[in-house]
Amino acid sequence: MIAGYAMEDAVHAFAEKRYAIFPAQDPSVFAQFQSAIRQSAEAYLGRPIDALDVLHHYVTPAEINKIRLKIYNDLNKRKDWKIAYYALATDTLKSLFGPDVSIQIKLNLSIQIPEDESSMLLLHTDTLSGQSPFECVLWTAVTDAFDSNAMYIFDEKSSKKLYQQLPSYQHKGMQQLFEDNRDNAQFINVPAGACVLFSSTLFHGNRVNCTDKTRISLNCRFKSLFSPEYAAIPHERVTGTFYEPLFLSPVTKIGLEYDDAIAF
């Protein structure tokens, strides 16, 4: 699927494995995100950089979170980022969610430089952290993701096994759970501009980046506007605080405007 965008293939893969990998539907929009990230990084550093995947030549591990926050804030100040990010996978998202779509209020950015243990994201699922099981995460590789700098993911079958094992790893920890099941982990080796759409119910994470390249990625969550609200802590990760409506169908707009008291 990386060679070309095929919505039917992406939807089929998602239905079968709960995740799909495909190139950005609109390469020009991806190029805008990539350029914006580079401009923000160069503004922070006060000088040009050779490429985003060698960002570690310009910052130390101690500085990485400062530059990440700079880029994160700059991206989220862009008024058009939500529609632009949706455009990376419009057909697939519309096929999965329909015309009434909500989007996470903030766009997330990850930077994983070589040998930086602080950027390691242990095995987890978003739903165990209070996210909606009705959502999907759209993860986009801004730089090439490969080997140990890539994200890993467990498909539906493997994730179900991990859920079953969780009680017995309460004291062993999530890292040990990963190590004991690492043969089922599927590392996402994809070029810059590739998207990974996955269910929030799947286990995933990353390891220490032992390559000689920085990996930068974006991620944001989508769900149907009418899917049940779900949060471990009421009012924390629901519409209005974590999600907001992105697109409304004409029928939904009419329904929201209707008022029995003044209709006739």
C-alpha atoms as a PDB file:
ATOM      1  CA  MET A   1       0.000   0.000   0.000  1.00  0.00           C
ATOM      2  CA  ILE A   2       2.947   2.370   0.392  1.00  0.00           C
ATOM      3  CA  ALA A   3       3.346   2.675  -3.383  1.00  0.00           C
ATOM      4  CA  GLY A   4      -0.037   4.353  -3.814  1.00  0.00           C
ATOM      5  CA  TYR A   5      -3.136   5.338  -1.874  1.00  0.00           C
ATOM      6  CA  ALA A   6      -5.865   2.695  -2.042  1.00  0.00           C
ATOM      7  CA  MET A   7      -8.718   3.475   0.327  1.00  0.00           C
ATOM      8  CA  GLU A   8     -10.332   0.054  -0.118  1.00  0.00           C
ATOM      9  CA  ASP A   9      -7.089  -1.702   0.830  1.00  0.00           C
ATOM     10  CA  ALA A  10      -6.637   0.511   3.886  1.00  0.00           C
ATOM     11  CA  VAL A  11     -10.190  -0.116   5.106  1.00  0.00           C
ATOM     12  CA  HIS A  12      -9.828  -3.864   4.519  1.00  0.00           C
ATOM     13  CA  ALA A  13      -6.527  -3.979   6.407  1.00  0.00           C
ATOM     14  CA  PHE A  14      -8.002  -1.993   9.282  1.00  0.00           C
ATOM     15  CA  ALA A  15     -11.019  -4.280   9.512  1.00  0.00           C
ATOM     16  CA  GLU A  16      -8.778  -7.355   9.545  1.00  0.00           C
ATOM     17  CA  LYS A  17      -5.916  -6.244  11.805  1.00  0.00           C
ATOM     18  CA  ARG A  18      -7.266  -3.059  13.427  1.00  0.00           C
ATOM     19  CA  TYR A  19      -4.523  -1.044  11.754  1.00  0.00           C
ATOM     20  CA  ALA A  20      -3.565  -0.003   8.246  1.00  0.00           C
ATOM     21  CA  ILE A  21      -0.476   1.522   6.629  1.00  0.00           C
ATOM     22  CA  PHE A  22      -0.700   3.746   3.569  1.00  0.00           C
ATOM     23  CA  PRO A  23       0.925   6.834   2.034  1.00  0.00           C
ATOM     24  CA  ALA A  24      -0.532  10.252   2.785  1.00  0.00           C
ATOM     25  CA  GLN A  25      -3.506  10.785   0.499  1.00  0.00           C
ATOM     26  CA  ASP A  26      -2.421  14.361  -0.221  1.00  0.00           C
ATOM     27  CA  PRO A  27       1.391  14.529  -0.486  1.00  0.00           C
ATOM     28  CA  SER A  28       1.322  18.315  -0.814  1.00  0.00           C
ATOM     29  CA  VAL A  29      -0.350  18.646   2.590  1.00  0.00           C
ATOM     30  CA  PHE A  30       2.212  16.309   4.125  1.00  0.00           C
ATOM     31  CA  ALA A  31       4.977  18.441   2.608  1.00  0.00           C
ATOM     32  CA  GLN A  32       3.436  21.500   4.307  1.00  0.00           C
ATOM     33  CA  PHE A  33       3.535  19.802   7.706  1.00  0.00           C
ATOM     34  CA  GLN A  34       7.115  18.661   7.143  1.00  0.00           C
ATOM     35  CA  SER A  35       8.162  22.162   6.078  1.00  0.00           C
ATOM     36  CA  ALA A  36       6.402  23.783   9.048  1.00  0.00           C
ATOM     37  CA  ILE A  37       8.206  21.445  11.463  1.00  0.00           C
ATOM     38  CA  ARG A  38      11.559  22.233   9.893  1.00  0.00           C
ATOM     39  CA  GLN A  39      10.914  25.991   9.992  1.00  0.00           C
ATOM     40  CA  SER A  40       9.931  25.808  13.652  1.00  0.00           C
ATOM     41  CA  ALA A  41      13.020  23.771  14.538  1.00  0.00           C
ATOM     42  CA  GLU A  42      15.281  26.205  12.700  1.00  0.00           C
ATOM     43  CA  ALA A  43      13.603  29.152  14.433  1.00  0.00           C
ATOM     44  CA  TYR A  44      14.307  27.546  17.807  1.00  0.00           C
ATOM     45  CA  LEU A  45      17.922  26.834  16.902  1.00  0.00           C
ATOM     46  CA  GLY A  46      18.481  30.156  15.185  1.00  0.00           C
ATOM     47  CA  ARG A  47      20.141  28.515  12.189  1.00  0.00           C
ATOM     48  CA  PRO A  48      19.319  26.170   9.305  1.00  0.00           C
ATOM     49  CA  ILE A  49      19.612  22.408   9.644  1.00  0.00           C
ATOM     50  CA  ASP A  50      20.677  19.868   7.037  1.00  0.00           C
ATOM     51  CA  ALA A  51      17.621  17.646   7.518  1.00  0.00           C
ATOM     52  CA  LEU A  52      15.065  16.720  10.175  1.00  0.00           C
ATOM     53  CA  ASP A  53      16.457  13.208  10.570  1.00  0.00           C
ATOM     54  CA  VAL A  54      19.777  14.613  11.786  1.00  0.00           C
ATOM     55  CA  LEU A  55      18.204  16.928  14.355  1.00  0.00           C
ATOM     56  CA  HIS A  56      20.289  15.184  17.022  1.00  0.00           C
ATOM     57  CA  HIS A  57      23.363  16.866  15.542  1.00  0.00           C
ATOM     58  CA  TYR A  58      21.955  20.190  16.751  1.00  0.00           C
ATOM     59  CA  VAL A  59      20.354  19.407  20.131  1.00  0.00           C
ATOM     60  CA  THR A  60      21.239  17.370  23.185  1.00  0.00           C
ATOM     61  CA  PRO A  61      18.844  14.919  24.892  1.00  0.00           C
ATOM     62  CA  ALA A  62      18.391  17.536  27.634  1.00  0.00           C
ATOM     63  CA  GLU A  63      17.085  20.041  25.068  1.00  0.00           C
ATOM     64  CA  ILE A  64      14.864  17.738  23.074  1.00  0.00           C
ATOM     65  CA  ASN A  65      11.673  18.413  25.028  1.00  0.00           C
ATOM     66  CA  LYS A  66      12.129  22.186  24.706  1.00  0.00           C
ATOM     67  CA  ILE A  67      12.373  22.027  20.930  1.00  0.00           C
ATOM     68  CA  ARG A  68       9.515  19.534  20.810  1.00  0.00           C
ATOM     69  CA  LEU A  69       7.276  21.928  22.753  1.00  0.00           C
ATOM     70  CA  LYS A  70       8.293  24.794  20.460  1.00  0.00           C
ATOM     71  CA  ILE A  71       7.294  22.829  17.350  1.00  0.00           C
ATOM     72  CA  TYR A  72       4.153  21.451  19.048  1.00  0.00           C
ATOM     73  CA  ASN A  73       2.957  24.941  19.970  1.00  0.00           C
ATOM     74  CA  ASP A  74       3.724  26.350  16.532  1.00  0.00           C
ATOM     75  CA  LEU A  75       1.793  23.573  14.795  1.00  0.00           C
ATOM     76  CA  ASN A  76      -1.234  23.956  17.045  1.00  0.00           C
ATOM     77  CA  LYS A  77      -1.332  27.710  16.427  1.00  0.00           C
ATOM     78  CA  ARG A  78      -2.035  27.037  12.747  1.00  0.00           C
ATOM     79  CA  LYS A  79      -5.771  27.599  12.233  1.00  0.00           C
ATOM     80  CA  ASP A  80      -5.989  25.087   9.400  1.00  0.00           C
ATOM     81  CA  TRP A  81      -4.105  22.167  10.935  1.00  0.00           C
ATOM     82  CA  LYS A  82      -7.193  20.050  11.730  1.00  0.00           C
ATOM     83  CA  ILE A  83      -8.596  20.041   8.207  1.00  0.00           C
ATOM     84  CA  ALA A  84      -5.079  19.631   6.812  1.00  0.00           C
ATOM     85  CA  TYR A  85      -4.314  16.619   8.992  1.00  0.00           C
ATOM     86  CA  TYR A  86      -7.641  15.013   8.067  1.00  0.00           C
ATOM     87  CA  ALA A  87      -6.646  15.486   4.416  1.00  0.00           C
ATOM     88  CA  LEU A  88      -3.779  13.030   4.894  1.00  0.00           C
ATOM     89  CA  ALA A  89      -6.360  10.217   5.029  1.00  0.00           C
ATOM     90  CA  THR A  90      -9.695  11.755   4.016  1.00  0.00           C
ATOM     91  CA  ASP A  91     -11.162   8.814   2.099  1.00  0.00           C
ATOM     92  CA  THR A  92     -10.183   6.192   4.668  1.00  0.00           C
ATOM     93  CA  LEU A  93     -11.391   8.236   7.645  1.00  0.00           C
ATOM     94  CA  LYS A  94     -14.678   9.088   5.942  1.00  0.00           C
ATOM     95  CA  SER A  95     -15.223   5.436   5.036  1.00  0.00           C
ATOM     96  CA  LEU A  96     -14.607   4.339   8.632  1.00  0.00           C
ATOM     97  CA  PHE A  97     -16.403   7.119  10.508  1.00  0.00           C
ATOM     98  CA  GLY A  98     -18.926   8.571   8.073  1.00  0.00           C
ATOM     99  CA  PRO A  99     -19.435  12.298   7.483  1.00  0.00           C
ATOM    100  CA  ASP A 100     -19.822  13.308  11.148  1.00  0.00           C
ATOM    101  CA  VAL A 101     -16.302  13.323  12.566  1.00  0.00           C
ATOM    102  CA  SER A 102     -14.673  14.599  15.748  1.00  0.00           C
ATOM    103  CA  ILE A 103     -10.966  15.301  16.087  1.00  0.00           C
ATOM    104  CA  GLN A 104      -8.597  15.577  19.013  1.00  0.00           C
ATOM    105  CA  ILE A 105      -8.219  19.228  19.981  1.00  0.00           C
ATOM    106  CA  LYS A 106      -4.395  19.129  19.882  1.00  0.00           C
ATOM    107  CA  LEU A 107      -1.983  17.657  17.349  1.00  0.00           C
ATOM    108  CA  ASN A 108       0.768  15.597  18.983  1.00  0.00           C
ATOM    109  CA  LEU A 109       4.427  15.530  17.977  1.00  0.00           C
ATOM    110  CA  SER A 110       7.056  12.911  18.850  1.00  0.00           C
ATOM    111  CA  ILE A 111      10.814  13.283  18.433  1.00  0.00           C
ATOM    112  CA  GLN A 112      13.004  10.268  19.108  1.00  0.00           C
ATOM    113  CA  ILE A 113      16.705  11.006  18.777  1.00  0.00           C
ATOM    114  CA  PRO A 114      19.359   8.262  18.912  1.00  0.00           C
ATOM    115  CA  GLU A 115      20.157   6.769  22.321  1.00  0.00           C
ATOM    116  CA  ASP A 116      17.645   8.964  24.154  1.00  0.00           C
ATOM    117  CA  GLU A 117      16.005   6.840  26.834  1.00  0.00           C
ATOM    118  CA  SER A 118      13.737   9.710  27.891  1.00  0.00           C
ATOM    119  CA  SER A 119      11.798   9.349  24.613  1.00  0.00           C
ATOM    120  CA  MET A 120      11.032   5.688  25.163  1.00  0.00           C
ATOM    121  CA  LEU A 121       7.313   4.936  25.236  1.00  0.00           C
ATOM    122  CA  LEU A 122       6.574   1.699  27.064  1.00  0.00           C
ATOM    123  CA  LEU A 123       4.048  -0.852  25.884  1.00  0.00           C
ATOM    124  CA  HIS A 124       0.519   0.503  26.358  1.00  0.00           C
ATOM    125  CA  THR A 125      -2.911   0.992  24.838  1.00  0.00           C
ATOM    126  CA  ASP A 126      -4.635   4.347  24.722  1.00  0.00           C
ATOM    127  CA  THR A 127      -7.854   2.862  26.070  1.00  0.00           C
ATOM    128  CA  LEU A 128      -6.085   1.734  29.260  1.00  0.00           C
ATOM    129  CA  SER A 129      -5.196   5.412  29.733  1.00  0.00           C
ATOM    130  CA  GLY A 130      -8.819   6.500  29.451  1.00  0.00           C
ATOM    131  CA  GLN A 131      -9.114   7.047  25.697  1.00  0.00           C
ATOM    132  CA  SER A 132     -12.233   6.089  23.794  1.00  0.00           C
ATOM    133  CA  PRO A 133     -12.314   2.554  22.331  1.00  0.00           C
ATOM    134  CA  PHE A 134     -14.302   4.096  19.467  1.00  0.00           C
ATOM    135  CA  GLU A 135     -11.406   6.243  18.272  1.00  0.00           C
ATOM    136  CA  CYS A 136      -8.537   5.728  15.847  1.00  0.00           C
ATOM    137  CA  VAL A 137      -5.063   7.226  15.941  1.00  0.00           C
ATOM    138  CA  LEU A 138      -3.628   8.632  12.722  1.00  0.00           C
ATOM    139  CA  TRP A 139       0.167   8.426  13.105  1.00  0.00           C
ATOM    140  CA  THR A 140       2.285  10.022  10.377  1.00  0.00           C
ATOM    141  CA  ALA A 141       6.018   9.529   9.815  1.00  0.00           C
ATOM    142  CA  VAL A 142       7.614  12.939   9.216  1.00  0.00           C
ATOM    143  CA  THR A 143      11.013  11.280   8.763  1.00  0.00           C
ATOM    144  CA  ASP A 144      11.754   7.696   7.721  1.00  0.00           C
ATOM    145  CA  ALA A 145      10.770   5.247  10.473  1.00  0.00           C
ATOM    146  CA  PHE A 146      12.804   2.059  10.528  1.00  0.00           C
ATOM    147  CA  ASP A 147      14.370  -0.528  12.835  1.00  0.00           C
ATOM    148  CA  SER A 148      14.582   0.630  16.457  1.00  0.00           C
ATOM    149  CA  ASN A 149      13.521   4.228  15.739  1.00  0.00           C
ATOM    150  CA  ALA A 150      10.129   2.995  14.523  1.00  0.00           C
ATOM    151  CA  MET A 151       6.970   2.451  16.495  1.00  0.00           C
ATOM    152  CA  TYR A 152       5.889  -1.132  17.133  1.00  0.00           C
ATOM    153  CA  ILE A 153       2.319  -2.365  17.248  1.00  0.00           C
ATOM    154  CA  PHE A 154       0.501  -5.570  18.155  1.00  0.00           C
ATOM    155  CA  ASP A 155      -2.383  -6.609  15.924  1.00  0.00           C
ATOM    156  CA  GLU A 156      -5.830  -7.502  17.227  1.00  0.00           C
ATOM    157  CA  LYS A 157      -5.058 -11.164  17.959  1.00  0.00           C
ATOM    158  CA  SER A 158      -1.789 -10.412  19.758  1.00  0.00           C
ATOM    159  CA  SER A 159      -3.307  -7.495  21.682  1.00  0.00           C
ATOM    160  CA  LYS A 160      -6.082  -9.734  23.007  1.00  0.00           C
ATOM    161  CA  LYS A 161      -3.448 -12.114  24.363  1.00  0.00           C
ATOM    162  CA  LEU A 162      -1.666  -9.212  26.068  1.00  0.00           C
ATOM    163  CA  TYR A 163      -4.909  -8.069  27.712  1.00  0.00           C
ATOM    164  CA  GLN A 164      -5.350 -11.596  29.074  1.00  0.00           C
ATOM    165  CA  GLN A 165      -1.814 -11.572  30.488  1.00  0.00           C
ATOM    166  CA  LEU A 166      -2.058  -8.148  32.148  1.00  0.00           C
ATOM    167  CA  PRO A 167      -3.158  -9.367  35.615  1.00  0.00           C
ATOM    168  CA  SER A 168      -0.107 -11.615  35.955  1.00  0.00           C
ATOM    169  CA  TYR A 169       2.242  -8.747  35.056  1.00  0.00           C
ATOM    170  CA  GLN A 170       0.968  -6.321  37.655  1.00  0.00           C
ATOM    171  CA  HIS A 171       4.293  -6.513  39.501  1.00  0.00           C
ATOM    172  CA  LYS A 172       6.548  -7.518  36.609  1.00  0.00           C
ATOM    173  CA  GLY A 173       5.726  -4.375  34.636  1.00  0.00           C
ATOM    174  CA  MET A 174       4.861  -3.505  31.049  1.00  0.00           C
ATOM    175  CA  GLN A 175       8.432  -3.723  29.797  1.00  0.00           C
ATOM    176  CA  GLN A 176       8.619  -7.355  30.869  1.00  0.00           C
ATOM    177  CA  LEU A 177       5.259  -7.995  29.211  1.00  0.00           C
ATOM    178  CA  PHE A 178       6.717  -6.615  25.992  1.00  0.00           C
ATOM    179  CA  GLU A 179       9.920  -8.648  26.281  1.00  0.00           C
ATOM    180  CA  ASP A 180       7.956 -11.859  26.809  1.00  0.00           C
ATOM    181  CA  ASN A 181       5.821 -11.144  23.731  1.00  0.00           C
ATOM    182  CA  ARG A 182       8.222  -9.230  21.488  1.00  0.00           C
ATOM    183  CA  ASP A 183       8.064 -11.874  18.739  1.00  0.00           C
ATOM    184  CA  ASN A 184       4.510 -10.694  18.036  1.00  0.00           C
ATOM    185  CA  ALA A 185       5.463  -7.009  17.885  1.00  0.00           C
ATOM    186  CA  GLN A 186       5.319  -5.594  14.369  1.00  0.00           C
ATOM    187  CA  PHE A 187       7.686  -2.674  13.832  1.00  0.00           C
ATOM    188  CA  ILE A 188       6.336  -0.016  11.497  1.00  0.00           C
ATOM    189  CA  ASN A 189       9.121   0.414   8.946  1.00  0.00           C
ATOM    190  CA  VAL A 190       7.809   3.142   6.659  1.00  0.00           C
ATOM    191  CA  PRO A 191       9.157   6.110   4.691  1.00  0.00           C
ATOM    192  CA  ALA A 192       8.453   9.744   5.484  1.00  0.00           C
ATOM    193  CA  GLY A 193       4.930  10.571   4.379  1.00  0.00           C
ATOM    194  CA  ALA A 194       3.450   7.207   5.348  1.00  0.00           C
ATOM    195  CA  CYS A 195       0.452   7.041   7.665  1.00  0.00           C
ATOM    196  CA  VAL A 196      -0.489   4.388  10.182  1.00  0.00           C
ATOM    197  CA  LEU A 197      -4.128   4.333  11.254  1.00  0.00           C
ATOM    198  CA  PHE A 198      -4.751   2.124  14.274  1.00  0.00           C
ATOM    199  CA  SER A 199      -7.392   1.416  16.889  1.00  0.00           C
ATOM    200  CA  SER A 200      -6.769   2.837  20.344  1.00  0.00           C
ATOM    201  CA  THR A 201      -7.406  -0.656  21.701  1.00  0.00           C
ATOM    202  CA  LEU A 202      -4.151  -2.053  20.244  1.00  0.00           C
ATOM    203  CA  PHE A 203      -0.955  -2.341  22.258  1.00  0.00           C
ATOM    204  CA  HIS A 204       1.932  -0.286  20.900  1.00  0.00           C
ATOM    205  CA  GLY A 205       5.037   1.633  21.959  1.00  0.00           C
ATOM    206  CA  ASN A 206       8.643   2.249  21.004  1.00  0.00           C
ATOM    207  CA  ARG A 207      12.160   1.321  22.083  1.00  0.00           C
ATOM    208  CA  VAL A 208      15.369   3.270  22.526  1.00  0.00           C
ATOM    209  CA  ASN A 209      16.423   4.551  19.108  1.00  0.00           C
ATOM    210  CA  CYS A 210      19.667   2.713  18.314  1.00  0.00           C
ATOM    211  CA  THR A 211      19.848   3.949  14.721  1.00  0.00           C
ATOM    212  CA  ASP A 212      21.839   6.982  13.584  1.00  0.00           C
ATOM    213  CA  LYS A 213      18.711   8.907  12.549  1.00  0.00           C
ATOM    214  CA  THR A 214      16.171  11.002  14.414  1.00  0.00           C
ATOM    215  CA  ARG A 215      12.567   9.902  13.988  1.00  0.00           C
ATOM    216  CA  ILE A 216       9.863  12.578  14.024  1.00  0.00           C
ATOM    217  CA  SER A 217       6.184  11.721  13.821  1.00  0.00           C
ATOM    218  CA  LEU A 218       2.768  13.308  14.252  1.00  0.00           C
ATOM    219  CA  ASN A 219      -0.336  11.739  15.734  1.00  0.00           C
ATOM    220  CA  CYS A 220      -3.927  12.730  16.299  1.00  0.00           C
ATOM    221  CA  ARG A 221      -7.135  10.934  17.190  1.00  0.00           C
ATOM    222  CA  PHE A 222     -10.460  10.788  15.348  1.00  0.00           C
ATOM    223  CA  LYS A 223     -13.833   9.327  16.213  1.00  0.00           C
ATOM    224  CA  SER A 224     -17.431   9.485  15.093  1.00  0.00           C
ATOM    225  CA  LEU A 225     -19.246  12.484  16.494  1.00  0.00           C
ATOM    226  CA  PHE A 226     -22.016  10.110  17.626  1.00  0.00           C
ATOM    227  CA  SER A 227     -19.912   7.358  19.175  1.00  0.00           C
ATOM    228  CA  PRO A 228     -20.483   6.946  22.930  1.00  0.00           C
ATOM    229  CA  GLU A 229     -18.422   9.194  25.145  1.00  0.00           C
ATOM    230  CA  TYR A 230     -16.018   7.115  27.184  1.00  0.00           C
ATOM    231  CA  ALA A 231     -13.610   8.284  29.855  1.00  0.00           C
ATOM    232  CA  ALA A 232     -12.181   6.728  32.990  1.00  0.00           C
ATOM    233  CA  ILE A 233     -12.394  10.199  34.565  1.00  0.00           C
ATOM    234  CA  PRO A 234     -15.703  11.923  33.698  1.00  0.00           C
ATOM    235  CA  HIS A 235     -15.419  15.046  31.551  1.00  0.00           C
ATOM    236  CA  GLU A 236     -11.687  14.573  30.946  1.00  0.00           C
ATOM    237  CA  ARG A 237     -11.408  12.965  27.494  1.00  0.00           C
ATOM    238  CA  VAL A 238     -14.757  13.744  25.952  1.00  0.00           C
ATOM    239  CA  THR A 239     -16.135  16.156  23.388  1.00  0.00           C
ATOM    240  CA  GLY A 240     -15.454  19.715  24.464  1.00  0.00           C
ATOM    241  CA  THR A 241     -12.337  18.971  26.480  1.00  0.00           C
ATOM    242  CA  PHE A 242     -10.446  16.440  24.363  1.00  0.00           C
ATOM    243  CA  TYR A 243     -12.331  16.245  21.049  1.00  0.00           C
ATOM    244  CA  GLU A 244     -14.224  18.771  18.983  1.00  0.00           C
ATOM    245  CA  PRO A 245     -16.510  18.367  15.938  1.00  0.00           C
ATOM    246  CA  LEU A 246     -14.588  18.614  12.680  1.00  0.00           C
ATOM    247  CA  PHE A 247     -17.212  17.880  10.017  1.00  0.00           C
ATOM    248  CA  LEU A 248     -20.999  17.761  10.268  1.00  0.00           C
ATOM    249  CA  SER A 249     -23.297  16.283   7.627  1.00  0.00           C
ATOM    250  CA  PRO A 250     -26.149  18.493   6.336  1.00  0.00           C
ATOM    251  CA  VAL A 251     -28.680  16.293   8.150  1.00  0.00           C
ATOM    252  CA  THR A 252     -26.812  16.670  11.438  1.00  0.00           C
ATOM    253  CA  LYS A 253     -26.661  20.439  11.011  1.00  0.00           C
ATOM    254  CA  ILE A 254     -30.414  20.574  10.452  1.00  0.00           C
ATOM    255  CA  GLY A 255     -31.041  18.422  13.505  1.00  0.00           C
ATOM    256  CA  LEU A 256     -28.835  20.577  15.721  1.00  0.00           C
ATOM    257  CA  GLU A 257     -30.609  23.731  14.543  1.00  0.00           C
ATOM    258  CA  TYR A 258     -34.084  22.322  15.153  1.00  0.00           C
ATOM    259  CA  ASP A 259     -36.082  23.663  18.066  1.00  0.00           C
ATOM    260  CA  ASP A 260     -39.535  22.185  18.823  1.00  0.00           C
ATOM    261  CA  ALA A 261     -40.696  25.420  20.415  1.00  0.00           C
ATOM    262  CA  ILE A 262     -40.279  27.547  17.317  1.00  0.00           C
ATOM    263  CA  ALA A 263     -40.389  24.993  14.497  1.00  0.00           C
ATOM    264  CA  PHE A 264     -43.969  25.751  13.399  1.00  0.00           C
END
